[in-house]
Amino acid sequence: MDWAAAAPSVITGAETWLDSYDLDCALKIDGYSTLFRRDRNNHGGGCIVYVAEGLEAEDPIFEVLFFKIMVAPHKCYVIATCYRPDYHSITDFLQFLDLSSSNIKLKYRNLAGILLVGDFNAHCSTWCPTKLSTTEGKHMFDFVVQSNMHQLVNEVTRTVSKTCLDLVVCDSLIKGALGKNKTASIPTLRTDQGEQIKDLAEKAEVLNQYFAQTCTMPKSLCDKQLPAFPIRTTKQLTKCVVSENDVFKILSRLNISKAGAPGLNNRVLRELAPVIASPFAQLINGSFASGVFPACWKLGFTNALYKTGHAHLKTNYRPIILLPALSKVCERLAHRTCMII
């Protein structure tokens, strides 16, 4: 074919049958400066991509190595060694891990657990409160929570920057096998009387009492009457009804990297969207018609987030409330209906 005459921006090829002995210089095509290739190096296969000069292109391959370990005739573990350099987008990297993990779970029916280890270049203060979370660390924390997994490292892995960038992420089965079920991300707390609190339940109670105290409105303000607000529109919301299609659109577009309260998470809801859209629409319409919001959707999961200062003081933590995913879907449907009128 006359490539010069056709002048395509991208040329792709499959079944290249190339191996390490075929150098890039021997495969060069005039007018194309970027060449990506994946060689099987054994019995055919392989693919290749050429990109025209003047176009920016980046090989999206991530530095992740998956391998399977058989521990019994019908039981295996999959371990992934990961390295995410700073120039790789954390969202793209986590989407790649999420898709790879999903494919692995479908492929290996005897899978006992998945372990992700390596340098993620993502510091989260919830796991190691030496510094504030980076943007990458926040994304990493959401990914771990949404995937119902656990991160086991809670100390500094980079002494110069005082950050925790080398992580170990696993599911509950591996966490139990490693004897890490009692790992706490919050260090020993010190009370106002100087007492040290190491027990997980006691630390949770100390923080719970502190958060309840700081987040409760004084009685003097509760007794005050709200001022009269001027009416700014003549439109009224007399009826709020959502369709099955409305519900399906929102469920199918849920962000699986967003954290939520334990239970049905965004990943499950998105995967089951075609099945649950209809009954969920009936549930939402019943809630709107009766004016009753399910009590279980009002219960949030409180996560203590480190702010700054001494990590052993309760005053240096603030509460983050993770609400049930279904309550957020209901909220979006109500907001969408209000915006239409």
C-alpha atoms as a PDB file:
ATOM      1  CA  MET A   1       0.000   0.000   0.000  1.00  0.00           C
ATOM      2  CA  ASP A   2       1.164   3.550  -0.742  1.00  0.00           C
ATOM      3  CA  TRP A   3       1.231   5.011   2.795  1.00  0.00           C
ATOM      4  CA  ALA A   4       2.402   8.405   1.532  1.00  0.00           C
ATOM      5  CA  ALA A   5      -0.677   8.736  -0.684  1.00  0.00           C
ATOM      6  CA  ALA A   6      -3.162   7.525   1.926  1.00  0.00           C
ATOM      7  CA  ALA A   7      -1.482   9.509   4.751  1.00  0.00           C
ATOM      8  CA  PRO A   8      -3.351   7.879   7.675  1.00  0.00           C
ATOM      9  CA  SER A   9      -2.752   9.392  11.099  1.00  0.00           C
ATOM     10  CA  VAL A  10      -2.485   5.986  12.754  1.00  0.00           C
ATOM     11  CA  ILE A  11      -1.498   2.598  11.335  1.00  0.00           C
ATOM     12  CA  THR A  12      -2.191  -0.552  13.342  1.00  0.00           C
ATOM     13  CA  GLY A  13      -1.219  -4.130  12.683  1.00  0.00           C
ATOM     14  CA  ALA A  14      -1.929  -7.493  14.278  1.00  0.00           C
ATOM     15  CA  GLU A  15      -0.339 -10.938  13.985  1.00  0.00           C
ATOM     16  CA  THR A  16       3.024  -9.252  13.490  1.00  0.00           C
ATOM     17  CA  TRP A  17       5.078 -12.358  14.386  1.00  0.00           C
ATOM     18  CA  LEU A  18       7.831 -10.062  15.642  1.00  0.00           C
ATOM     19  CA  ASP A  19      10.274 -10.838  18.427  1.00  0.00           C
ATOM     20  CA  SER A  20      13.187  -9.168  20.215  1.00  0.00           C
ATOM     21  CA  TYR A  21      15.469  -9.726  17.211  1.00  0.00           C
ATOM     22  CA  ASP A  22      13.351  -7.355  15.095  1.00  0.00           C
ATOM     23  CA  LEU A  23      14.674  -3.882  15.905  1.00  0.00           C
ATOM     24  CA  ASP A  24      12.529  -0.749  15.752  1.00  0.00           C
ATOM     25  CA  CYS A  25      14.880   0.844  13.228  1.00  0.00           C
ATOM     26  CA  ALA A  26      14.143  -1.939  10.752  1.00  0.00           C
ATOM     27  CA  LEU A  27      10.406  -1.374  11.093  1.00  0.00           C
ATOM     28  CA  LYS A  28      10.404   2.406  10.652  1.00  0.00           C
ATOM     29  CA  ILE A  29       7.981   4.014   8.178  1.00  0.00           C
ATOM     30  CA  ASP A  30       8.787   7.477   6.812  1.00  0.00           C
ATOM     31  CA  GLY A  31       6.443  10.128   8.230  1.00  0.00           C
ATOM     32  CA  TYR A  32       5.713   8.188  11.415  1.00  0.00           C
ATOM     33  CA  SER A  33       7.761   9.041  14.489  1.00  0.00           C
ATOM     34  CA  THR A  34       6.070   6.978  17.210  1.00  0.00           C
ATOM     35  CA  LEU A  35       5.995   3.205  17.238  1.00  0.00           C
ATOM     36  CA  PHE A  36       4.344   1.011  19.862  1.00  0.00           C
ATOM     37  CA  ARG A  37       4.645  -2.764  19.785  1.00  0.00           C
ATOM     38  CA  ARG A  38       3.726  -5.814  21.832  1.00  0.00           C
ATOM     39  CA  ASP A  39       5.611  -8.934  20.793  1.00  0.00           C
ATOM     40  CA  ARG A  40       4.640 -12.409  21.867  1.00  0.00           C
ATOM     41  CA  ASN A  41       8.165 -13.693  21.103  1.00  0.00           C
ATOM     42  CA  ASN A  42       6.756 -17.147  20.555  1.00  0.00           C
ATOM     43  CA  HIS A  43       4.658 -18.733  17.792  1.00  0.00           C
ATOM     44  CA  GLY A  44       3.205 -15.681  16.071  1.00  0.00           C
ATOM     45  CA  GLY A  45       0.809 -13.138  17.553  1.00  0.00           C
ATOM     46  CA  GLY A  46       1.829  -9.600  18.432  1.00  0.00           C
ATOM     47  CA  CYS A  47       0.584  -6.149  17.447  1.00  0.00           C
ATOM     48  CA  ILE A  48       2.080  -2.840  16.353  1.00  0.00           C
ATOM     49  CA  VAL A  49       0.981   0.806  16.107  1.00  0.00           C
ATOM     50  CA  TYR A  50       2.474   3.689  14.126  1.00  0.00           C
ATOM     51  CA  VAL A  51       1.569   7.338  14.868  1.00  0.00           C
ATOM     52  CA  ALA A  52       2.115  10.109  12.333  1.00  0.00           C
ATOM     53  CA  GLU A  53       4.653  12.840  12.981  1.00  0.00           C
ATOM     54  CA  GLY A  54       3.162  15.901  14.658  1.00  0.00           C
ATOM     55  CA  LEU A  55       0.718  13.918  16.762  1.00  0.00           C
ATOM     56  CA  GLU A  56       1.276  13.369  20.470  1.00  0.00           C
ATOM     57  CA  ALA A  57       0.942   9.771  21.616  1.00  0.00           C
ATOM     58  CA  GLU A  58       1.706   7.969  24.832  1.00  0.00           C
ATOM     59  CA  ASP A  59       1.955   4.251  25.462  1.00  0.00           C
ATOM     60  CA  PRO A  60      -0.705   3.601  28.133  1.00  0.00           C
ATOM     61  CA  ILE A  61       0.989   0.478  29.469  1.00  0.00           C
ATOM     62  CA  PHE A  62       1.361   0.481  33.243  1.00  0.00           C
ATOM     63  CA  GLU A  63       4.199  -1.037  35.232  1.00  0.00           C
ATOM     64  CA  VAL A  64       2.192  -3.826  36.828  1.00  0.00           C
ATOM     65  CA  LEU A  65       3.119  -7.499  36.972  1.00  0.00           C
ATOM     66  CA  PHE A  66       0.394 -10.037  37.817  1.00  0.00           C
ATOM     67  CA  PHE A  67       1.249 -13.600  38.779  1.00  0.00           C
ATOM     68  CA  LYS A  68      -0.720 -16.521  40.165  1.00  0.00           C
ATOM     69  CA  ILE A  69       0.312 -18.762  43.049  1.00  0.00           C
ATOM     70  CA  MET A  70      -1.346 -22.156  43.543  1.00  0.00           C
ATOM     71  CA  VAL A  71      -1.504 -23.047  47.247  1.00  0.00           C
ATOM     72  CA  ALA A  72      -3.781 -26.075  46.811  1.00  0.00           C
ATOM     73  CA  PRO A  73      -5.235 -28.036  43.884  1.00  0.00           C
ATOM     74  CA  HIS A  74      -8.342 -25.841  43.909  1.00  0.00           C
ATOM     75  CA  LYS A  75      -7.083 -22.637  45.529  1.00  0.00           C
ATOM     76  CA  CYS A  76      -4.940 -19.820  44.168  1.00  0.00           C
ATOM     77  CA  TYR A  77      -3.859 -16.274  44.969  1.00  0.00           C
ATOM     78  CA  VAL A  78      -3.069 -13.515  42.468  1.00  0.00           C
ATOM     79  CA  ILE A  79      -0.379 -11.001  43.413  1.00  0.00           C
ATOM     80  CA  ALA A  80       0.285  -7.772  41.521  1.00  0.00           C
ATOM     81  CA  THR A  81       3.533  -5.875  41.895  1.00  0.00           C
ATOM     82  CA  CYS A  82       2.856  -2.248  40.980  1.00  0.00           C
ATOM     83  CA  TYR A  83       4.799   0.919  40.316  1.00  0.00           C
ATOM     84  CA  ARG A  84       3.022   4.157  39.473  1.00  0.00           C
ATOM     85  CA  PRO A  85       5.388   6.956  38.476  1.00  0.00           C
ATOM     86  CA  ASP A  86       4.244  10.531  39.061  1.00  0.00           C
ATOM     87  CA  TYR A  87       3.557  11.140  35.384  1.00  0.00           C
ATOM     88  CA  HIS A  88       0.914   8.397  35.234  1.00  0.00           C
ATOM     89  CA  SER A  89      -2.608   9.559  36.092  1.00  0.00           C
ATOM     90  CA  ILE A  90      -3.790   7.988  39.351  1.00  0.00           C
ATOM     91  CA  THR A  91      -7.357   7.660  38.026  1.00  0.00           C
ATOM     92  CA  ASP A  92      -6.205   5.869  34.874  1.00  0.00           C
ATOM     93  CA  PHE A  93      -3.924   3.646  36.944  1.00  0.00           C
ATOM     94  CA  LEU A  94      -6.687   2.683  39.393  1.00  0.00           C
ATOM     95  CA  GLN A  95      -9.161   2.073  36.566  1.00  0.00           C
ATOM     96  CA  PHE A  96      -6.612  -0.287  35.043  1.00  0.00           C
ATOM     97  CA  LEU A  97      -6.214  -2.142  38.363  1.00  0.00           C
ATOM     98  CA  ASP A  98      -9.982  -2.298  38.838  1.00  0.00           C
ATOM     99  CA  LEU A  99     -10.570  -3.716  35.350  1.00  0.00           C
ATOM    100  CA  SER A 100      -7.688  -6.177  35.697  1.00  0.00           C
ATOM    101  CA  SER A 101      -8.944  -7.368  39.081  1.00  0.00           C
ATOM    102  CA  SER A 102     -12.454  -7.853  37.713  1.00  0.00           C
ATOM    103  CA  ASN A 103     -11.133  -9.912  34.802  1.00  0.00           C
ATOM    104  CA  ILE A 104      -9.020 -12.024  37.154  1.00  0.00           C
ATOM    105  CA  LYS A 105     -12.036 -12.768  39.365  1.00  0.00           C
ATOM    106  CA  LEU A 106     -13.986 -13.890  36.301  1.00  0.00           C
ATOM    107  CA  LYS A 107     -11.135 -16.014  34.979  1.00  0.00           C
ATOM    108  CA  TYR A 108     -10.131 -17.870  38.148  1.00  0.00           C
ATOM    109  CA  ARG A 109     -13.085 -19.484  39.887  1.00  0.00           C
ATOM    110  CA  ASN A 110     -10.741 -20.927  42.530  1.00  0.00           C
ATOM    111  CA  LEU A 111      -9.377 -17.476  43.435  1.00  0.00           C
ATOM    112  CA  ALA A 112      -8.850 -17.124  47.183  1.00  0.00           C
ATOM    113  CA  GLY A 113      -7.659 -13.528  47.169  1.00  0.00           C
ATOM    114  CA  ILE A 114      -5.891 -10.658  45.369  1.00  0.00           C
ATOM    115  CA  LEU A 115      -2.871  -8.793  46.755  1.00  0.00           C
ATOM    116  CA  LEU A 116      -1.667  -5.449  45.325  1.00  0.00           C
ATOM    117  CA  VAL A 117       1.797  -4.378  46.501  1.00  0.00           C
ATOM    118  CA  GLY A 118       4.290  -1.753  45.410  1.00  0.00           C
ATOM    119  CA  ASP A 119       5.024   1.943  45.090  1.00  0.00           C
ATOM    120  CA  PHE A 120       1.818   3.837  44.310  1.00  0.00           C
ATOM    121  CA  ASN A 121       3.230   7.331  44.970  1.00  0.00           C
ATOM    122  CA  ALA A 122       0.048   8.109  46.908  1.00  0.00           C
ATOM    123  CA  HIS A 123       0.116   9.283  50.536  1.00  0.00           C
ATOM    124  CA  CYS A 124      -3.071   9.097  52.613  1.00  0.00           C
ATOM    125  CA  SER A 125      -3.167  10.599  56.103  1.00  0.00           C
ATOM    126  CA  THR A 126      -5.836   8.099  57.169  1.00  0.00           C
ATOM    127  CA  TRP A 127      -3.227   5.343  56.885  1.00  0.00           C
ATOM    128  CA  CYS A 128      -0.184   7.362  57.962  1.00  0.00           C
ATOM    129  CA  PRO A 129      -0.967  10.695  59.661  1.00  0.00           C
ATOM    130  CA  THR A 130       2.477  12.239  59.268  1.00  0.00           C
ATOM    131  CA  LYS A 131       1.322  14.597  56.517  1.00  0.00           C
ATOM    132  CA  LEU A 132      -1.877  15.673  54.821  1.00  0.00           C
ATOM    133  CA  SER A 133      -3.192  13.415  52.090  1.00  0.00           C
ATOM    134  CA  THR A 134      -2.101  14.095  48.539  1.00  0.00           C
ATOM    135  CA  THR A 135      -4.680  14.152  45.755  1.00  0.00           C
ATOM    136  CA  GLU A 136      -3.390  10.742  44.672  1.00  0.00           C
ATOM    137  CA  GLY A 137      -3.696   9.482  48.254  1.00  0.00           C
ATOM    138  CA  LYS A 138      -7.357  10.512  48.421  1.00  0.00           C
ATOM    139  CA  HIS A 139      -8.073   8.659  45.172  1.00  0.00           C
ATOM    140  CA  MET A 140      -6.209   5.625  46.501  1.00  0.00           C
ATOM    141  CA  PHE A 141      -8.203   5.644  49.737  1.00  0.00           C
ATOM    142  CA  ASP A 142     -11.510   5.847  47.818  1.00  0.00           C
ATOM    143  CA  PHE A 143     -10.416   2.971  45.592  1.00  0.00           C
ATOM    144  CA  VAL A 144      -9.550   0.734  48.563  1.00  0.00           C
ATOM    145  CA  VAL A 145     -12.812   1.485  50.397  1.00  0.00           C
ATOM    146  CA  GLN A 146     -14.987   1.125  47.291  1.00  0.00           C
ATOM    147  CA  SER A 147     -13.311  -2.180  46.411  1.00  0.00           C
ATOM    148  CA  ASN A 148     -13.980  -3.537  49.929  1.00  0.00           C
ATOM    149  CA  MET A 149     -10.253  -4.060  50.387  1.00  0.00           C
ATOM    150  CA  HIS A 150      -7.746  -3.141  53.097  1.00  0.00           C
ATOM    151  CA  GLN A 151      -4.460  -1.223  53.122  1.00  0.00           C
ATOM    152  CA  LEU A 152      -2.024  -2.673  55.671  1.00  0.00           C
ATOM    153  CA  VAL A 153       0.919  -0.238  55.816  1.00  0.00           C
ATOM    154  CA  ASN A 154       0.498   2.515  58.444  1.00  0.00           C
ATOM    155  CA  GLU A 155       4.000   3.892  58.865  1.00  0.00           C
ATOM    156  CA  VAL A 156       6.467   6.027  56.934  1.00  0.00           C
ATOM    157  CA  THR A 157       8.112   4.297  53.976  1.00  0.00           C
ATOM    158  CA  ARG A 158       9.984   7.380  52.694  1.00  0.00           C
ATOM    159  CA  THR A 159      12.010   8.924  55.509  1.00  0.00           C
ATOM    160  CA  VAL A 160      12.986  12.085  53.604  1.00  0.00           C
ATOM    161  CA  SER A 161       9.429  13.143  52.749  1.00  0.00           C
ATOM    162  CA  LYS A 162       7.875  11.432  55.806  1.00  0.00           C
ATOM    163  CA  THR A 163       5.249   9.841  53.596  1.00  0.00           C
ATOM    164  CA  CYS A 164       3.800   6.375  53.109  1.00  0.00           C
ATOM    165  CA  LEU A 165       3.948   5.624  49.399  1.00  0.00           C
ATOM    166  CA  ASP A 166       4.654   1.866  49.421  1.00  0.00           C
ATOM    167  CA  LEU A 167       1.369   0.127  50.068  1.00  0.00           C
ATOM    168  CA  VAL A 168      -0.045  -3.361  50.557  1.00  0.00           C
ATOM    169  CA  VAL A 169      -3.682  -3.669  49.477  1.00  0.00           C
ATOM    170  CA  CYS A 170      -5.582  -6.918  49.947  1.00  0.00           C
ATOM    171  CA  ASP A 171      -9.024  -8.375  50.511  1.00  0.00           C
ATOM    172  CA  SER A 172     -10.352  -9.675  53.840  1.00  0.00           C
ATOM    173  CA  LEU A 173      -9.203 -13.264  53.281  1.00  0.00           C
ATOM    174  CA  ILE A 174      -5.560 -12.322  52.739  1.00  0.00           C
ATOM    175  CA  LYS A 175      -5.706  -9.776  55.545  1.00  0.00           C
ATOM    176  CA  GLY A 176      -6.843 -12.503  57.921  1.00  0.00           C
ATOM    177  CA  ALA A 177      -4.190 -14.912  56.638  1.00  0.00           C
ATOM    178  CA  LEU A 178      -1.518 -12.284  57.308  1.00  0.00           C
ATOM    179  CA  GLY A 179      -2.827 -11.760  60.850  1.00  0.00           C
ATOM    180  CA  LYS A 180      -3.620  -8.130  60.101  1.00  0.00           C
ATOM    181  CA  ASN A 181      -7.276  -8.046  61.075  1.00  0.00           C
ATOM    182  CA  LYS A 182      -6.540  -5.772  64.020  1.00  0.00           C
ATOM    183  CA  THR A 183      -4.432  -3.249  62.152  1.00  0.00           C
ATOM    184  CA  ALA A 184      -5.437   0.307  63.056  1.00  0.00           C
ATOM    185  CA  SER A 185      -4.808   3.319  60.850  1.00  0.00           C
ATOM    186  CA  ILE A 186      -5.124   5.715  63.824  1.00  0.00           C
ATOM    187  CA  PRO A 187      -2.192   5.619  66.260  1.00  0.00           C
ATOM    188  CA  THR A 188      -2.469   5.545  70.038  1.00  0.00           C
ATOM    189  CA  LEU A 189      -4.588   8.463  71.260  1.00  0.00           C
ATOM    190  CA  ARG A 190      -3.850  10.529  74.339  1.00  0.00           C
ATOM    191  CA  THR A 191      -6.729  11.884  76.452  1.00  0.00           C
ATOM    192  CA  ASP A 192      -6.849  15.268  78.181  1.00  0.00           C
ATOM    193  CA  GLN A 193      -5.706  13.533  81.370  1.00  0.00           C
ATOM    194  CA  GLY A 194      -2.661  12.045  79.621  1.00  0.00           C
ATOM    195  CA  GLU A 195      -4.096   8.519  79.435  1.00  0.00           C
ATOM    196  CA  GLN A 196      -3.056   6.471  76.399  1.00  0.00           C
ATOM    197  CA  ILE A 197      -5.830   4.784  74.425  1.00  0.00           C
ATOM    198  CA  LYS A 198      -4.667   1.790  72.355  1.00  0.00           C
ATOM    199  CA  ASP A 199      -7.792  -0.379  72.101  1.00  0.00           C
ATOM    200  CA  LEU A 200      -9.657   0.070  68.806  1.00  0.00           C
ATOM    201  CA  ALA A 201     -13.116   0.240  70.405  1.00  0.00           C
ATOM    202  CA  GLU A 202     -11.939   2.746  73.023  1.00  0.00           C
ATOM    203  CA  LYS A 203     -10.319   4.945  70.361  1.00  0.00           C
ATOM    204  CA  ALA A 204     -13.543   4.870  68.350  1.00  0.00           C
ATOM    205  CA  GLU A 205     -15.548   5.901  71.436  1.00  0.00           C
ATOM    206  CA  VAL A 206     -13.147   8.756  72.298  1.00  0.00           C
ATOM    207  CA  LEU A 207     -13.368  10.147  68.775  1.00  0.00           C
ATOM    208  CA  ASN A 208     -17.126   9.588  68.639  1.00  0.00           C
ATOM    209  CA  GLN A 209     -17.689  11.601  71.815  1.00  0.00           C
ATOM    210  CA  TYR A 210     -15.403  14.389  70.582  1.00  0.00           C
ATOM    211  CA  PHE A 211     -17.117  14.566  67.178  1.00  0.00           C
ATOM    212  CA  ALA A 212     -20.571  14.540  68.782  1.00  0.00           C
ATOM    213  CA  GLN A 213     -19.555  17.387  71.062  1.00  0.00           C
ATOM    214  CA  THR A 214     -18.073  19.581  68.347  1.00  0.00           C
ATOM    215  CA  CYS A 215     -20.836  18.888  65.810  1.00  0.00           C
ATOM    216  CA  THR A 216     -23.807  19.560  68.114  1.00  0.00           C
ATOM    217  CA  MET A 217     -25.502  22.945  67.773  1.00  0.00           C
ATOM    218  CA  PRO A 218     -25.812  24.866  71.065  1.00  0.00           C
ATOM    219  CA  LYS A 219     -29.322  24.864  72.586  1.00  0.00           C
ATOM    220  CA  SER A 220     -29.451  28.656  72.447  1.00  0.00           C
ATOM    221  CA  LEU A 221     -29.271  28.492  68.658  1.00  0.00           C
ATOM    222  CA  CYS A 222     -31.715  25.594  68.370  1.00  0.00           C
ATOM    223  CA  ASP A 223     -34.459  27.597  70.089  1.00  0.00           C
ATOM    224  CA  LYS A 224     -34.221  30.492  67.648  1.00  0.00           C
ATOM    225  CA  GLN A 225     -36.848  30.852  64.923  1.00  0.00           C
ATOM    226  CA  LEU A 226     -35.691  30.779  61.339  1.00  0.00           C
ATOM    227  CA  PRO A 227     -36.086  34.084  59.495  1.00  0.00           C
ATOM    228  CA  ALA A 228     -38.792  34.437  56.865  1.00  0.00           C
ATOM    229  CA  PHE A 229     -37.373  33.664  53.429  1.00  0.00           C
ATOM    230  CA  PRO A 230     -38.773  35.597  50.465  1.00  0.00           C
ATOM    231  CA  ILE A 231     -40.529  33.605  47.751  1.00  0.00           C
ATOM    232  CA  ARG A 232     -38.437  33.810  44.582  1.00  0.00           C
ATOM    233  CA  THR A 233     -40.557  31.683  42.231  1.00  0.00           C
ATOM    234  CA  THR A 234     -44.175  30.852  41.551  1.00  0.00           C
ATOM    235  CA  LYS A 235     -43.410  27.309  40.421  1.00  0.00           C
ATOM    236  CA  GLN A 236     -44.413  24.449  42.691  1.00  0.00           C
ATOM    237  CA  LEU A 237     -43.303  20.839  42.909  1.00  0.00           C
ATOM    238  CA  THR A 238     -46.667  19.123  43.303  1.00  0.00           C
ATOM    239  CA  LYS A 239     -45.565  15.656  42.238  1.00  0.00           C
ATOM    240  CA  CYS A 240     -42.175  13.984  42.004  1.00  0.00           C
ATOM    241  CA  VAL A 241     -42.033  10.902  39.790  1.00  0.00           C
ATOM    242  CA  VAL A 242     -38.989   9.185  38.289  1.00  0.00           C
ATOM    243  CA  SER A 243     -38.952   6.606  35.509  1.00  0.00           C
ATOM    244  CA  GLU A 244     -37.050   3.357  35.230  1.00  0.00           C
ATOM    245  CA  ASN A 245     -34.911   4.967  32.535  1.00  0.00           C
ATOM    246  CA  ASP A 246     -34.043   7.895  34.859  1.00  0.00           C
ATOM    247  CA  VAL A 247     -32.857   5.470  37.518  1.00  0.00           C
ATOM    248  CA  PHE A 248     -30.908   3.333  35.035  1.00  0.00           C
ATOM    249  CA  LYS A 249     -29.019   6.353  33.661  1.00  0.00           C
ATOM    250  CA  ILE A 250     -27.823   7.368  37.117  1.00  0.00           C
ATOM    251  CA  LEU A 251     -26.971   3.827  38.251  1.00  0.00           C
ATOM    252  CA  SER A 252     -25.048   3.018  35.062  1.00  0.00           C
ATOM    253  CA  ARG A 253     -22.928   6.154  35.414  1.00  0.00           C
ATOM    254  CA  LEU A 254     -21.962   5.798  39.069  1.00  0.00           C
ATOM    255  CA  ASN A 255     -18.304   6.437  39.826  1.00  0.00           C
ATOM    256  CA  ILE A 256     -16.936   3.212  41.304  1.00  0.00           C
ATOM    257  CA  SER A 257     -13.910   5.032  42.747  1.00  0.00           C
ATOM    258  CA  LYS A 258     -16.091   7.063  45.129  1.00  0.00           C
ATOM    259  CA  ALA A 259     -16.172   5.887  48.736  1.00  0.00           C
ATOM    260  CA  GLY A 260     -19.426   5.151  50.524  1.00  0.00           C
ATOM    261  CA  ALA A 261     -20.796   3.508  53.633  1.00  0.00           C
ATOM    262  CA  PRO A 262     -20.378  -0.282  53.968  1.00  0.00           C
ATOM    263  CA  GLY A 263     -23.012  -2.287  52.138  1.00  0.00           C
ATOM    264  CA  LEU A 264     -24.206  -1.902  48.566  1.00  0.00           C
ATOM    265  CA  ASN A 265     -21.530   0.220  46.940  1.00  0.00           C
ATOM    266  CA  ASN A 266     -21.382   2.011  43.597  1.00  0.00           C
ATOM    267  CA  ARG A 267     -19.667  -0.918  41.921  1.00  0.00           C
ATOM    268  CA  VAL A 268     -22.486  -3.327  42.779  1.00  0.00           C
ATOM    269  CA  LEU A 269     -25.213  -0.848  41.869  1.00  0.00           C
ATOM    270  CA  ARG A 270     -23.645  -0.072  38.509  1.00  0.00           C
ATOM    271  CA  GLU A 271     -23.216  -3.726  37.606  1.00  0.00           C
ATOM    272  CA  LEU A 272     -26.813  -4.519  38.585  1.00  0.00           C
ATOM    273  CA  ALA A 273     -28.339  -1.396  37.010  1.00  0.00           C
ATOM    274  CA  PRO A 274     -30.315  -3.269  34.287  1.00  0.00           C
ATOM    275  CA  VAL A 275     -31.897  -5.538  36.923  1.00  0.00           C
ATOM    276  CA  ILE A 276     -32.603  -3.177  39.826  1.00  0.00           C
ATOM    277  CA  ALA A 277     -33.595  -0.006  37.926  1.00  0.00           C
ATOM    278  CA  SER A 278     -37.293  -0.923  37.830  1.00  0.00           C
ATOM    279  CA  PRO A 279     -37.811  -1.975  41.496  1.00  0.00           C
ATOM    280  CA  PHE A 280     -35.632   0.888  42.688  1.00  0.00           C
ATOM    281  CA  ALA A 281     -37.755   3.365  40.684  1.00  0.00           C
ATOM    282  CA  GLN A 282     -40.857   2.006  42.450  1.00  0.00           C
ATOM    283  CA  LEU A 283     -39.120   2.350  45.824  1.00  0.00           C
ATOM    284  CA  ILE A 284     -38.070   5.956  45.121  1.00  0.00           C
ATOM    285  CA  ASN A 285     -41.520   6.947  43.859  1.00  0.00           C
ATOM    286  CA  GLY A 286     -43.102   5.418  46.972  1.00  0.00           C
ATOM    287  CA  SER A 287     -40.691   7.407  49.148  1.00  0.00           C
ATOM    288  CA  PHE A 288     -41.478  10.654  47.303  1.00  0.00           C
ATOM    289  CA  ALA A 289     -45.238  10.064  47.394  1.00  0.00           C
ATOM    290  CA  SER A 290     -45.350   9.228  51.117  1.00  0.00           C
ATOM    291  CA  GLY A 291     -42.788  11.800  52.175  1.00  0.00           C
ATOM    292  CA  VAL A 292     -40.859   9.125  54.071  1.00  0.00           C
ATOM    293  CA  PHE A 293     -37.119   8.703  53.598  1.00  0.00           C
ATOM    294  CA  PRO A 294     -35.853   5.219  54.628  1.00  0.00           C
ATOM    295  CA  ALA A 295     -34.282   5.434  58.073  1.00  0.00           C
ATOM    296  CA  CYS A 296     -31.379   3.139  57.115  1.00  0.00           C
ATOM    297  CA  TRP A 297     -30.345   5.608  54.399  1.00  0.00           C
ATOM    298  CA  LYS A 298     -29.876   8.308  57.037  1.00  0.00           C
ATOM    299  CA  LEU A 299     -27.190   6.320  58.863  1.00  0.00           C
ATOM    300  CA  GLY A 300     -23.681   7.318  57.828  1.00  0.00           C
ATOM    301  CA  PHE A 301     -20.317   5.663  58.395  1.00  0.00           C
ATOM    302  CA  THR A 302     -18.009   8.047  60.254  1.00  0.00           C
ATOM    303  CA  ASN A 303     -14.361   8.055  59.237  1.00  0.00           C
ATOM    304  CA  ALA A 304     -11.842   9.978  61.350  1.00  0.00           C
ATOM    305  CA  LEU A 305      -9.647  12.026  59.014  1.00  0.00           C
ATOM    306  CA  TYR A 306      -6.341  13.395  60.259  1.00  0.00           C
ATOM    307  CA  LYS A 307      -5.928  17.164  59.748  1.00  0.00           C
ATOM    308  CA  THR A 308      -2.567  18.426  61.011  1.00  0.00           C
ATOM    309  CA  GLY A 309      -0.510  18.661  64.183  1.00  0.00           C
ATOM    310  CA  HIS A 310       0.093  15.883  66.703  1.00  0.00           C
ATOM    311  CA  ALA A 311      -1.469  12.627  65.460  1.00  0.00           C
ATOM    312  CA  HIS A 312      -2.061  11.359  69.012  1.00  0.00           C
ATOM    313  CA  LEU A 313      -4.519  14.147  69.885  1.00  0.00           C
ATOM    314  CA  LYS A 314      -8.230  13.686  69.163  1.00  0.00           C
ATOM    315  CA  THR A 315      -8.578  17.405  68.392  1.00  0.00           C
ATOM    316  CA  ASN A 316      -6.476  16.924  65.261  1.00  0.00           C
ATOM    317  CA  TYR A 317      -9.071  14.701  63.577  1.00  0.00           C
ATOM    318  CA  ARG A 318     -12.284  15.646  61.825  1.00  0.00           C
ATOM    319  CA  PRO A 319     -15.211  13.410  60.896  1.00  0.00           C
ATOM    320  CA  ILE A 320     -16.023  12.438  57.328  1.00  0.00           C
ATOM    321  CA  ILE A 321     -19.486  10.919  56.950  1.00  0.00           C
ATOM    322  CA  LEU A 322     -19.833   8.272  54.243  1.00  0.00           C
ATOM    323  CA  LEU A 323     -23.499   7.891  53.315  1.00  0.00           C
ATOM    324  CA  PRO A 324     -25.131   4.788  51.789  1.00  0.00           C
ATOM    325  CA  ALA A 325     -24.837   4.740  47.999  1.00  0.00           C
ATOM    326  CA  LEU A 326     -28.592   4.332  47.547  1.00  0.00           C
ATOM    327  CA  SER A 327     -29.290   7.511  49.518  1.00  0.00           C
ATOM    328  CA  LYS A 328     -27.005   9.468  47.184  1.00  0.00           C
ATOM    329  CA  VAL A 329     -28.801   8.020  44.147  1.00  0.00           C
ATOM    330  CA  CYS A 330     -32.144   9.078  45.636  1.00  0.00           C
ATOM    331  CA  GLU A 331     -30.761  12.562  46.273  1.00  0.00           C
ATOM    332  CA  ARG A 332     -29.597  12.907  42.662  1.00  0.00           C
ATOM    333  CA  LEU A 333     -32.981  11.798  41.350  1.00  0.00           C
ATOM    334  CA  ALA A 334     -34.753  14.367  43.527  1.00  0.00           C
ATOM    335  CA  HIS A 335     -32.353  17.096  42.423  1.00  0.00           C
ATOM    336  CA  ARG A 336     -32.856  16.168  38.769  1.00  0.00           C
ATOM    337  CA  THR A 337     -36.638  16.388  39.159  1.00  0.00           C
ATOM    338  CA  CYS A 338     -36.418  19.795  40.823  1.00  0.00           C
ATOM    339  CA  MET A 339     -34.191  21.140  38.044  1.00  0.00           C
ATOM    340  CA  ILE A 340     -36.714  20.114  35.368  1.00  0.00           C
ATOM    341  CA  ILE A 341     -39.652  22.173  36.710  1.00  0.00           C
END
